[in-house]
Structure formats: structure tokens, C-alpha cells
Amino acid sequence: MPHSAHTNIINALAFQVIWWAGVLAANQLIIIPIILIIWHFVASQQKSFDFKVLMVCASVGILLDTVLVSIGLFEFQVFPLWLGLLWGYFALSLNYSLALFNHFPISIQALLGGIFGSLSYIGGANLNAVDLPYGTVTSGLALMLIWSLMFPLFLWLSKVIGLKHARTDFEKLV
């Protein structure tokens, strides 16, 4: 179901608030993403679908970051609860403010995902939210490659979940 520009703008702004709160204050402002995620579900007209996307995509994202921490690509001074909540809201954004990327060819999705996904971590590192032990260039290139694969994957996952969700809703009707 298409969403209004108003809904998408609110979603994009909420994601930015969560990113900035996490990057600037780590877990100290954890209440902000919690409230914004709860508010999303209060306002959502597709709670069940949004919950499925959140659970699948946030789990994949948290697993990805766990692997990247375990191989030393980046490190955190304090266990980043805020990052798990950021992944949750990122997942919720896939069918709202980020849904426009579904209309782009996969090559553009990969390019934009690689650029902006890596810049998100580099920006976080510049604000001391995360350490990049391999340096900005090496870590940035690795993250660019990873995000050029992951962003189209996240868009695809949300689309597949949407198709399965719609089919389940249809089957309930007949």
C-alpha cells in the first residue's frame, strides 16, 4: 500500500533523529528510538506487516553488525543497544521513506546503498560512536562493498515479506 508523502517524511525524520541520538549519545538517549518505534506501530495501518519486516530485516542487520564486530571491522566502547533499535527503524523505513528505491534498477540501489551505508558508519566514527580499527579508507571500502550488496537485499526482503503477507491476507478472505 502506497503511503502519503507526509508519512514518508515523518518516517525519514524519525530515522534521522534515531541515528543522531545514537551517534551523539549512545545508549543515554535510548528512550528516543523506543518511543519512535512504538509511535510507528501506534500510527501504522499495517502493523502485522511492519512487525514482520522489522523482525526479519533488523535481525539480519544486527547479525551483520555482530559479524563485522567479531572480525574487527569496527568496535564500540559500550555495547550499542541504540544500534539494534536503529536497525529496527531502518527496517521500518524500507516500506516507507526508503520504498522509492524499489523503483530504481538494482545497480542504482547497490551504488546508493554502498555510498550512503558506508558514509553512515564513517560519519558515526567521525563522531566517536564507533571505532574503525582498519582506518577510514579500508573500512569505508569494505562497508561500501557490504552495503552495495545489503541494501538491495533489504529492499528485496521487505518486498518478499510484503508479497507473502498480502497472500496470507488474501487467503484469509477466501
N, C-alpha and C. Protein backbone atom coordinates (compact mmCIF):
# COMPACT_ATOMS: atom_id res chain seq x y z
N MET A 1 0.84 -1.17 0.00
CA MET A 1 0.00 0.00 0.00
C MET A 1 0.89 1.24 0.00
N PRO A 2 0.66 2.16 -0.97
CA PRO A 2 1.46 3.38 -1.00
C PRO A 2 1.15 4.26 0.20
N HIS A 3 2.14 4.96 0.65
CA HIS A 3 1.99 5.83 1.81
C HIS A 3 2.07 7.27 1.37
N SER A 4 1.46 8.14 2.13
CA SER A 4 1.48 9.55 1.79
C SER A 4 2.88 10.12 1.95
N ALA A 5 3.11 11.21 1.25
CA ALA A 5 4.40 11.89 1.38
C ALA A 5 4.62 12.32 2.82
N HIS A 6 3.55 12.71 3.49
CA HIS A 6 3.62 13.12 4.89
C HIS A 6 4.15 11.97 5.76
N THR A 7 3.60 10.79 5.58
CA THR A 7 4.04 9.61 6.33
C THR A 7 5.50 9.31 6.06
N ASN A 8 5.90 9.40 4.80
CA ASN A 8 7.28 9.11 4.43
C ASN A 8 8.25 10.15 4.98
N ILE A 9 7.84 11.39 5.02
CA ILE A 9 8.69 12.44 5.58
C ILE A 9 8.86 12.23 7.08
N ILE A 10 7.77 11.93 7.77
CA ILE A 10 7.86 11.66 9.21
C ILE A 10 8.77 10.46 9.46
N ASN A 11 8.64 9.42 8.65
CA ASN A 11 9.48 8.23 8.79
C ASN A 11 10.96 8.59 8.59
N ALA A 12 11.26 9.35 7.56
CA ALA A 12 12.65 9.74 7.28
C ALA A 12 13.21 10.60 8.42
N LEU A 13 12.42 11.54 8.91
CA LEU A 13 12.87 12.39 10.01
C LEU A 13 13.09 11.58 11.29
N ALA A 14 12.18 10.65 11.57
CA ALA A 14 12.33 9.80 12.76
C ALA A 14 13.61 8.98 12.67
N PHE A 15 13.91 8.45 11.49
CA PHE A 15 15.15 7.68 11.32
C PHE A 15 16.36 8.57 11.61
N GLN A 16 16.34 9.79 11.11
CA GLN A 16 17.46 10.71 11.35
C GLN A 16 17.60 11.04 12.84
N VAL A 17 16.48 11.26 13.51
CA VAL A 17 16.52 11.53 14.95
C VAL A 17 17.14 10.35 15.69
N ILE A 18 16.76 9.14 15.32
CA ILE A 18 17.30 7.94 15.98
C ILE A 18 18.80 7.82 15.70
N TRP A 19 19.22 8.05 14.46
CA TRP A 19 20.64 7.96 14.11
C TRP A 19 21.44 8.98 14.93
N TRP A 20 20.99 10.24 14.92
CA TRP A 20 21.72 11.28 15.64
C TRP A 20 21.74 11.03 17.15
N ALA A 21 20.62 10.61 17.70
CA ALA A 21 20.57 10.33 19.15
C ALA A 21 21.56 9.23 19.50
N GLY A 22 21.60 8.18 18.69
CA GLY A 22 22.52 7.08 18.95
C GLY A 22 23.97 7.47 18.78
N VAL A 23 24.26 8.16 17.70
CA VAL A 23 25.64 8.53 17.40
C VAL A 23 26.17 9.55 18.41
N LEU A 24 25.34 10.49 18.80
CA LEU A 24 25.81 11.53 19.71
C LEU A 24 25.76 11.14 21.19
N ALA A 25 24.82 10.26 21.55
CA ALA A 25 24.64 9.96 22.97
C ALA A 25 24.66 8.47 23.29
N ALA A 26 24.94 7.65 22.32
CA ALA A 26 24.98 6.19 22.50
C ALA A 26 23.70 5.72 23.19
N ASN A 27 23.83 4.99 24.28
CA ASN A 27 22.66 4.42 24.96
C ASN A 27 21.97 5.40 25.90
N GLN A 28 22.52 6.58 26.07
CA GLN A 28 21.95 7.55 27.02
C GLN A 28 20.58 8.07 26.60
N LEU A 29 20.33 8.10 25.29
CA LEU A 29 19.04 8.58 24.80
C LEU A 29 18.21 7.43 24.21
N ILE A 30 18.38 6.26 24.75
CA ILE A 30 17.72 5.06 24.22
C ILE A 30 16.19 5.18 24.20
N ILE A 31 15.66 6.03 25.03
CA ILE A 31 14.21 6.22 25.09
C ILE A 31 13.68 6.80 23.78
N ILE A 32 14.48 7.58 23.08
CA ILE A 32 14.02 8.21 21.84
C ILE A 32 13.67 7.16 20.78
N PRO A 33 14.58 6.24 20.43
CA PRO A 33 14.17 5.24 19.44
C PRO A 33 13.03 4.34 19.93
N ILE A 34 13.00 4.06 21.21
CA ILE A 34 11.91 3.23 21.74
C ILE A 34 10.57 3.93 21.50
N ILE A 35 10.50 5.20 21.84
CA ILE A 35 9.26 5.96 21.65
C ILE A 35 8.89 6.04 20.18
N LEU A 36 9.87 6.30 19.31
CA LEU A 36 9.57 6.44 17.89
C LEU A 36 9.13 5.12 17.26
N ILE A 37 9.70 4.01 17.70
CA ILE A 37 9.26 2.71 17.20
C ILE A 37 7.84 2.41 17.68
N ILE A 38 7.58 2.68 18.95
CA ILE A 38 6.22 2.48 19.47
C ILE A 38 5.24 3.37 18.71
N TRP A 39 5.62 4.63 18.51
CA TRP A 39 4.74 5.54 17.79
C TRP A 39 4.47 5.04 16.37
N HIS A 40 5.48 4.49 15.72
CA HIS A 40 5.28 3.95 14.37
C HIS A 40 4.15 2.92 14.39
N PHE A 41 4.19 2.02 15.36
CA PHE A 41 3.17 0.97 15.41
C PHE A 41 1.80 1.51 15.85
N VAL A 42 1.78 2.54 16.65
CA VAL A 42 0.50 3.17 17.02
C VAL A 42 -0.14 3.77 15.76
N ALA A 43 0.66 4.43 14.93
CA ALA A 43 0.15 5.13 13.75
C ALA A 43 -0.01 4.22 12.53
N SER A 44 0.67 3.09 12.50
CA SER A 44 0.68 2.23 11.32
C SER A 44 -0.68 1.64 11.01
N GLN A 45 -0.98 1.57 9.73
CA GLN A 45 -2.20 0.91 9.28
C GLN A 45 -1.91 -0.53 8.83
N GLN A 46 -0.67 -0.95 8.98
CA GLN A 46 -0.28 -2.31 8.58
C GLN A 46 0.68 -2.88 9.62
N LYS A 47 0.24 -2.91 10.85
CA LYS A 47 1.07 -3.31 11.98
C LYS A 47 1.70 -4.68 11.80
N SER A 48 0.91 -5.66 11.38
CA SER A 48 1.40 -7.02 11.25
C SER A 48 2.52 -7.10 10.21
N PHE A 49 2.31 -6.47 9.07
CA PHE A 49 3.31 -6.46 8.01
C PHE A 49 4.57 -5.74 8.49
N ASP A 50 4.41 -4.56 9.10
CA ASP A 50 5.57 -3.81 9.59
C ASP A 50 6.35 -4.62 10.62
N PHE A 51 5.64 -5.34 11.48
CA PHE A 51 6.31 -6.15 12.50
C PHE A 51 7.13 -7.26 11.86
N LYS A 52 6.59 -7.90 10.83
CA LYS A 52 7.33 -8.97 10.14
C LYS A 52 8.60 -8.42 9.50
N VAL A 53 8.49 -7.28 8.84
CA VAL A 53 9.66 -6.67 8.20
C VAL A 53 10.68 -6.28 9.26
N LEU A 54 10.21 -5.69 10.35
CA LEU A 54 11.12 -5.31 11.43
C LEU A 54 11.87 -6.53 11.96
N MET A 55 11.17 -7.60 12.24
CA MET A 55 11.81 -8.78 12.83
C MET A 55 12.83 -9.40 11.89
N VAL A 56 12.49 -9.54 10.63
CA VAL A 56 13.41 -10.18 9.68
C VAL A 56 14.59 -9.28 9.35
N CYS A 57 14.31 -8.07 8.90
CA CYS A 57 15.40 -7.19 8.44
C CYS A 57 16.28 -6.69 9.58
N ALA A 58 15.68 -6.37 10.72
CA ALA A 58 16.51 -5.94 11.86
C ALA A 58 17.38 -7.10 12.34
N SER A 59 16.85 -8.31 12.32
CA SER A 59 17.66 -9.47 12.73
C SER A 59 18.84 -9.67 11.79
N VAL A 60 18.60 -9.53 10.49
CA VAL A 60 19.69 -9.66 9.51
C VAL A 60 20.73 -8.56 9.75
N GLY A 61 20.27 -7.34 9.96
CA GLY A 61 21.18 -6.22 10.19
C GLY A 61 22.00 -6.37 11.46
N ILE A 62 21.34 -6.79 12.52
CA ILE A 62 22.06 -6.98 13.79
C ILE A 62 23.06 -8.12 13.66
N LEU A 63 22.67 -9.18 12.96
CA LEU A 63 23.61 -10.29 12.71
C LEU A 63 24.80 -9.81 11.88
N LEU A 64 24.53 -9.02 10.86
CA LEU A 64 25.61 -8.48 10.03
C LEU A 64 26.58 -7.66 10.87
N ASP A 65 26.06 -6.74 11.68
CA ASP A 65 26.95 -5.92 12.51
C ASP A 65 27.70 -6.76 13.54
N THR A 66 27.06 -7.80 14.05
CA THR A 66 27.74 -8.69 15.00
C THR A 66 28.92 -9.38 14.33
N VAL A 67 28.72 -9.83 13.09
CA VAL A 67 29.82 -10.46 12.34
C VAL A 67 30.93 -9.45 12.09
N LEU A 68 30.55 -8.23 11.70
CA LEU A 68 31.56 -7.21 11.41
C LEU A 68 32.36 -6.81 12.66
N VAL A 69 31.69 -6.79 13.80
CA VAL A 69 32.40 -6.53 15.06
C VAL A 69 33.32 -7.71 15.36
N SER A 70 32.83 -8.93 15.16
CA SER A 70 33.64 -10.11 15.50
C SER A 70 34.88 -10.25 14.62
N ILE A 71 34.83 -9.75 13.40
CA ILE A 71 36.03 -9.80 12.54
C ILE A 71 36.88 -8.54 12.68
N GLY A 72 36.42 -7.62 13.53
CA GLY A 72 37.23 -6.44 13.84
C GLY A 72 37.09 -5.27 12.89
N LEU A 73 36.07 -5.28 12.02
CA LEU A 73 35.91 -4.15 11.10
C LEU A 73 35.56 -2.87 11.85
N PHE A 74 34.78 -3.02 12.90
CA PHE A 74 34.55 -1.89 13.79
C PHE A 74 34.34 -2.36 15.21
N GLU A 75 34.51 -1.39 16.14
CA GLU A 75 34.43 -1.66 17.57
C GLU A 75 33.60 -0.56 18.24
N PHE A 76 32.97 -0.95 19.34
CA PHE A 76 32.20 0.01 20.14
C PHE A 76 32.78 0.03 21.54
N GLN A 77 32.81 1.23 22.13
CA GLN A 77 33.29 1.36 23.51
C GLN A 77 32.29 0.78 24.49
N VAL A 78 31.00 0.95 24.18
CA VAL A 78 29.90 0.46 25.02
C VAL A 78 28.99 -0.35 24.12
N PHE A 79 28.45 -1.46 24.65
CA PHE A 79 27.54 -2.28 23.85
C PHE A 79 26.41 -1.40 23.30
N PRO A 80 26.25 -1.33 21.97
CA PRO A 80 25.34 -0.35 21.37
C PRO A 80 23.89 -0.84 21.25
N LEU A 81 23.16 -0.74 22.35
CA LEU A 81 21.73 -1.06 22.29
C LEU A 81 21.03 -0.16 21.27
N TRP A 82 21.48 1.09 21.20
CA TRP A 82 20.89 2.05 20.27
C TRP A 82 21.00 1.56 18.83
N LEU A 83 22.07 0.82 18.50
CA LEU A 83 22.26 0.36 17.13
C LEU A 83 21.23 -0.70 16.76
N GLY A 84 20.87 -1.55 17.70
CA GLY A 84 19.81 -2.53 17.44
C GLY A 84 18.49 -1.84 17.16
N LEU A 85 18.20 -0.77 17.90
CA LEU A 85 16.97 -0.01 17.67
C LEU A 85 17.03 0.76 16.35
N LEU A 86 18.22 1.22 16.00
CA LEU A 86 18.40 1.87 14.70
C LEU A 86 18.11 0.88 13.58
N TRP A 87 18.61 -0.35 13.73
CA TRP A 87 18.30 -1.39 12.74
C TRP A 87 16.79 -1.62 12.66
N GLY A 88 16.13 -1.60 13.80
CA GLY A 88 14.68 -1.77 13.79
C GLY A 88 13.98 -0.68 12.99
N TYR A 89 14.39 0.56 13.21
CA TYR A 89 13.73 1.64 12.48
C TYR A 89 14.16 1.67 11.02
N PHE A 90 15.38 1.27 10.73
CA PHE A 90 15.80 1.14 9.33
C PHE A 90 14.87 0.14 8.64
N ALA A 91 14.61 -0.98 9.29
CA ALA A 91 13.72 -1.99 8.72
C ALA A 91 12.33 -1.39 8.47
N LEU A 92 11.84 -0.60 9.42
CA LEU A 92 10.53 0.03 9.25
C LEU A 92 10.54 1.06 8.11
N SER A 93 11.69 1.62 7.82
CA SER A 93 11.80 2.62 6.76
C SER A 93 11.76 2.01 5.36
N LEU A 94 12.04 0.72 5.26
CA LEU A 94 12.11 0.08 3.94
C LEU A 94 10.82 0.20 3.15
N ASN A 95 9.69 0.20 3.83
CA ASN A 95 8.40 0.30 3.13
C ASN A 95 7.77 1.67 3.26
N TYR A 96 8.53 2.62 3.73
CA TYR A 96 8.04 3.98 3.88
C TYR A 96 9.01 4.91 3.14
N SER A 97 9.88 5.58 3.86
CA SER A 97 10.74 6.58 3.22
C SER A 97 11.76 5.98 2.26
N LEU A 98 12.14 4.73 2.45
CA LEU A 98 13.10 4.11 1.53
C LEU A 98 12.43 3.33 0.40
N ALA A 99 11.11 3.26 0.40
CA ALA A 99 10.38 2.47 -0.61
C ALA A 99 10.61 3.00 -2.02
N LEU A 100 10.91 4.28 -2.17
CA LEU A 100 11.13 4.83 -3.50
C LEU A 100 12.29 4.14 -4.21
N PHE A 101 13.22 3.57 -3.44
CA PHE A 101 14.37 2.89 -4.06
C PHE A 101 13.97 1.58 -4.74
N ASN A 102 12.78 1.07 -4.44
CA ASN A 102 12.29 -0.13 -5.13
C ASN A 102 12.07 0.13 -6.62
N HIS A 103 11.92 1.39 -7.01
CA HIS A 103 11.68 1.75 -8.40
C HIS A 103 12.97 1.92 -9.19
N PHE A 104 14.09 1.83 -8.51
CA PHE A 104 15.39 2.01 -9.16
C PHE A 104 15.93 0.64 -9.59
N PRO A 105 16.74 0.63 -10.64
CA PRO A 105 17.40 -0.63 -11.00
C PRO A 105 18.32 -1.08 -9.87
N ILE A 106 18.55 -2.37 -9.79
CA ILE A 106 19.37 -2.93 -8.70
C ILE A 106 20.77 -2.31 -8.69
N SER A 107 21.29 -1.95 -9.85
CA SER A 107 22.63 -1.34 -9.90
C SER A 107 22.63 0.01 -9.17
N ILE A 108 21.57 0.78 -9.31
CA ILE A 108 21.47 2.08 -8.62
C ILE A 108 21.25 1.85 -7.12
N GLN A 109 20.42 0.86 -6.78
CA GLN A 109 20.23 0.50 -5.37
C GLN A 109 21.58 0.16 -4.74
N ALA A 110 22.37 -0.65 -5.45
CA ALA A 110 23.68 -1.08 -4.94
C ALA A 110 24.61 0.12 -4.79
N LEU A 111 24.64 0.98 -5.79
CA LEU A 111 25.51 2.15 -5.75
C LEU A 111 25.14 3.07 -4.58
N LEU A 112 23.87 3.40 -4.47
CA LEU A 112 23.43 4.29 -3.40
C LEU A 112 23.57 3.64 -2.03
N GLY A 113 23.27 2.35 -1.94
CA GLY A 113 23.45 1.64 -0.68
C GLY A 113 24.91 1.63 -0.26
N GLY A 114 25.80 1.38 -1.22
CA GLY A 114 27.23 1.36 -0.93
C GLY A 114 27.73 2.71 -0.44
N ILE A 115 27.29 3.76 -1.12
CA ILE A 115 27.75 5.10 -0.74
C ILE A 115 27.20 5.50 0.62
N PHE A 116 25.87 5.47 0.76
CA PHE A 116 25.26 6.02 1.97
C PHE A 116 25.37 5.08 3.17
N GLY A 117 25.38 3.78 2.92
CA GLY A 117 25.58 2.84 4.04
C GLY A 117 26.96 3.02 4.65
N SER A 118 27.98 3.09 3.80
CA SER A 118 29.34 3.27 4.32
C SER A 118 29.51 4.65 4.97
N LEU A 119 28.92 5.67 4.37
CA LEU A 119 29.04 7.02 4.95
C LEU A 119 28.38 7.11 6.32
N SER A 120 27.34 6.32 6.54
CA SER A 120 26.68 6.32 7.85
C SER A 120 27.65 5.85 8.94
N TYR A 121 28.39 4.80 8.66
CA TYR A 121 29.37 4.29 9.63
C TYR A 121 30.57 5.23 9.75
N ILE A 122 31.02 5.78 8.64
CA ILE A 122 32.15 6.72 8.69
C ILE A 122 31.75 7.98 9.47
N GLY A 123 30.53 8.45 9.22
CA GLY A 123 30.03 9.60 9.99
C GLY A 123 29.96 9.28 11.47
N GLY A 124 29.48 8.08 11.80
CA GLY A 124 29.45 7.65 13.20
C GLY A 124 30.84 7.59 13.80
N ALA A 125 31.80 7.14 13.02
CA ALA A 125 33.19 7.07 13.51
C ALA A 125 33.75 8.47 13.74
N ASN A 126 33.43 9.39 12.83
CA ASN A 126 33.91 10.77 13.00
C ASN A 126 33.32 11.44 14.22
N LEU A 127 32.17 10.94 14.69
CA LEU A 127 31.54 11.49 15.89
C LEU A 127 31.79 10.60 17.12
N ASN A 128 32.74 9.69 16.99
CA ASN A 128 33.18 8.80 18.07
C ASN A 128 32.13 7.82 18.57
N ALA A 129 31.18 7.46 17.70
CA ALA A 129 30.17 6.46 18.09
C ALA A 129 30.67 5.05 17.83
N VAL A 130 31.65 4.91 16.95
CA VAL A 130 32.21 3.62 16.58
C VAL A 130 33.68 3.84 16.21
N ASP A 131 34.49 2.83 16.47
CA ASP A 131 35.90 2.88 16.08
C ASP A 131 36.09 2.01 14.84
N LEU A 132 36.93 2.48 13.93
CA LEU A 132 37.27 1.74 12.71
C LEU A 132 38.74 1.35 12.78
N PRO A 133 39.05 0.18 13.37
CA PRO A 133 40.44 -0.21 13.58
C PRO A 133 41.28 -0.31 12.30
N TYR A 134 40.65 -0.59 11.17
CA TYR A 134 41.39 -0.70 9.91
C TYR A 134 41.54 0.64 9.20
N GLY A 135 41.06 1.71 9.83
CA GLY A 135 41.16 3.04 9.24
C GLY A 135 39.93 3.35 8.40
N THR A 136 39.79 4.62 8.11
CA THR A 136 38.60 5.10 7.40
C THR A 136 38.53 4.57 5.97
N VAL A 137 39.65 4.58 5.26
CA VAL A 137 39.62 4.18 3.85
C VAL A 137 39.33 2.69 3.72
N THR A 138 40.09 1.85 4.40
CA THR A 138 39.89 0.41 4.30
C THR A 138 38.50 0.01 4.80
N SER A 139 38.13 0.54 5.95
CA SER A 139 36.81 0.23 6.50
C SER A 139 35.71 0.76 5.59
N GLY A 140 35.89 1.97 5.09
CA GLY A 140 34.90 2.56 4.19
C GLY A 140 34.71 1.75 2.93
N LEU A 141 35.80 1.27 2.34
CA LEU A 141 35.69 0.46 1.13
C LEU A 141 35.01 -0.89 1.42
N ALA A 142 35.36 -1.49 2.56
CA ALA A 142 34.72 -2.75 2.94
C ALA A 142 33.22 -2.53 3.17
N LEU A 143 32.89 -1.46 3.89
CA LEU A 143 31.48 -1.17 4.15
C LEU A 143 30.73 -0.80 2.87
N MET A 144 31.41 -0.14 1.95
CA MET A 144 30.78 0.18 0.67
C MET A 144 30.41 -1.10 -0.08
N LEU A 145 31.32 -2.05 -0.11
CA LEU A 145 31.06 -3.32 -0.77
C LEU A 145 29.90 -4.05 -0.07
N ILE A 146 29.96 -4.11 1.24
CA ILE A 146 28.92 -4.80 2.01
C ILE A 146 27.56 -4.16 1.78
N TRP A 147 27.49 -2.84 1.88
CA TRP A 147 26.21 -2.15 1.72
C TRP A 147 25.71 -2.15 0.29
N SER A 148 26.62 -2.27 -0.68
CA SER A 148 26.15 -2.37 -2.06
C SER A 148 25.43 -3.70 -2.30
N LEU A 149 25.73 -4.69 -1.49
CA LEU A 149 25.02 -5.96 -1.54
C LEU A 149 23.80 -5.97 -0.62
N MET A 150 23.96 -5.39 0.56
CA MET A 150 22.92 -5.50 1.58
C MET A 150 21.70 -4.61 1.32
N PHE A 151 21.91 -3.41 0.81
CA PHE A 151 20.75 -2.53 0.62
C PHE A 151 19.75 -3.13 -0.38
N PRO A 152 20.20 -3.60 -1.55
CA PRO A 152 19.23 -4.27 -2.43
C PRO A 152 18.62 -5.52 -1.78
N LEU A 153 19.40 -6.23 -0.97
CA LEU A 153 18.88 -7.40 -0.28
C LEU A 153 17.77 -7.00 0.70
N PHE A 154 17.98 -5.95 1.47
CA PHE A 154 16.96 -5.49 2.41
C PHE A 154 15.68 -5.07 1.67
N LEU A 155 15.83 -4.35 0.57
CA LEU A 155 14.66 -3.96 -0.21
C LEU A 155 13.92 -5.20 -0.73
N TRP A 156 14.67 -6.18 -1.21
CA TRP A 156 14.08 -7.42 -1.71
C TRP A 156 13.37 -8.17 -0.58
N LEU A 157 14.02 -8.28 0.58
CA LEU A 157 13.39 -8.98 1.71
C LEU A 157 12.07 -8.34 2.09
N SER A 158 12.04 -7.02 2.16
CA SER A 158 10.79 -6.35 2.53
C SER A 158 9.71 -6.58 1.47
N LYS A 159 10.12 -6.64 0.21
CA LYS A 159 9.17 -6.89 -0.87
C LYS A 159 8.61 -8.32 -0.78
N VAL A 160 9.48 -9.29 -0.53
CA VAL A 160 9.06 -10.69 -0.41
C VAL A 160 8.12 -10.85 0.78
N ILE A 161 8.47 -10.23 1.90
CA ILE A 161 7.60 -10.30 3.08
C ILE A 161 6.25 -9.69 2.76
N GLY A 162 6.26 -8.59 2.01
CA GLY A 162 5.01 -7.94 1.62
C GLY A 162 4.16 -8.84 0.74
N LEU A 163 4.78 -9.53 -0.20
CA LEU A 163 4.03 -10.44 -1.07
C LEU A 163 3.43 -11.60 -0.28
N LYS A 164 4.22 -12.17 0.63
CA LYS A 164 3.72 -13.26 1.46
C LYS A 164 2.61 -12.79 2.38
N HIS A 165 2.78 -11.59 2.91
CA HIS A 165 1.77 -11.02 3.82
C HIS A 165 0.46 -10.79 3.06
N ALA A 166 0.57 -10.24 1.85
CA ALA A 166 -0.63 -9.98 1.04
C ALA A 166 -1.32 -11.29 0.68
N ARG A 167 -0.54 -12.31 0.34
CA ARG A 167 -1.11 -13.62 0.00
C ARG A 167 -1.84 -14.21 1.21
N THR A 168 -1.23 -14.11 2.39
CA THR A 168 -1.87 -14.61 3.61
C THR A 168 -3.17 -13.87 3.88
N ASP A 169 -3.16 -12.54 3.71
CA ASP A 169 -4.38 -11.76 3.91
C ASP A 169 -5.45 -12.18 2.90
N PHE A 170 -5.04 -12.42 1.66
CA PHE A 170 -5.98 -12.83 0.62
C PHE A 170 -6.57 -14.20 0.96
N GLU A 171 -5.72 -15.12 1.39
CA GLU A 171 -6.21 -16.46 1.74
C GLU A 171 -7.20 -16.44 2.90
N LYS A 172 -7.04 -15.49 3.80
CA LYS A 172 -7.98 -15.35 4.90
C LYS A 172 -9.35 -14.91 4.41
N LEU A 173 -9.37 -14.16 3.30
CA LEU A 173 -10.63 -13.67 2.74
C LEU A 173 -11.42 -14.76 2.03
N VAL A 174 -10.72 -15.73 1.44
CA VAL A 174 -11.41 -16.78 0.67
C VAL A 174 -11.56 -18.06 1.45
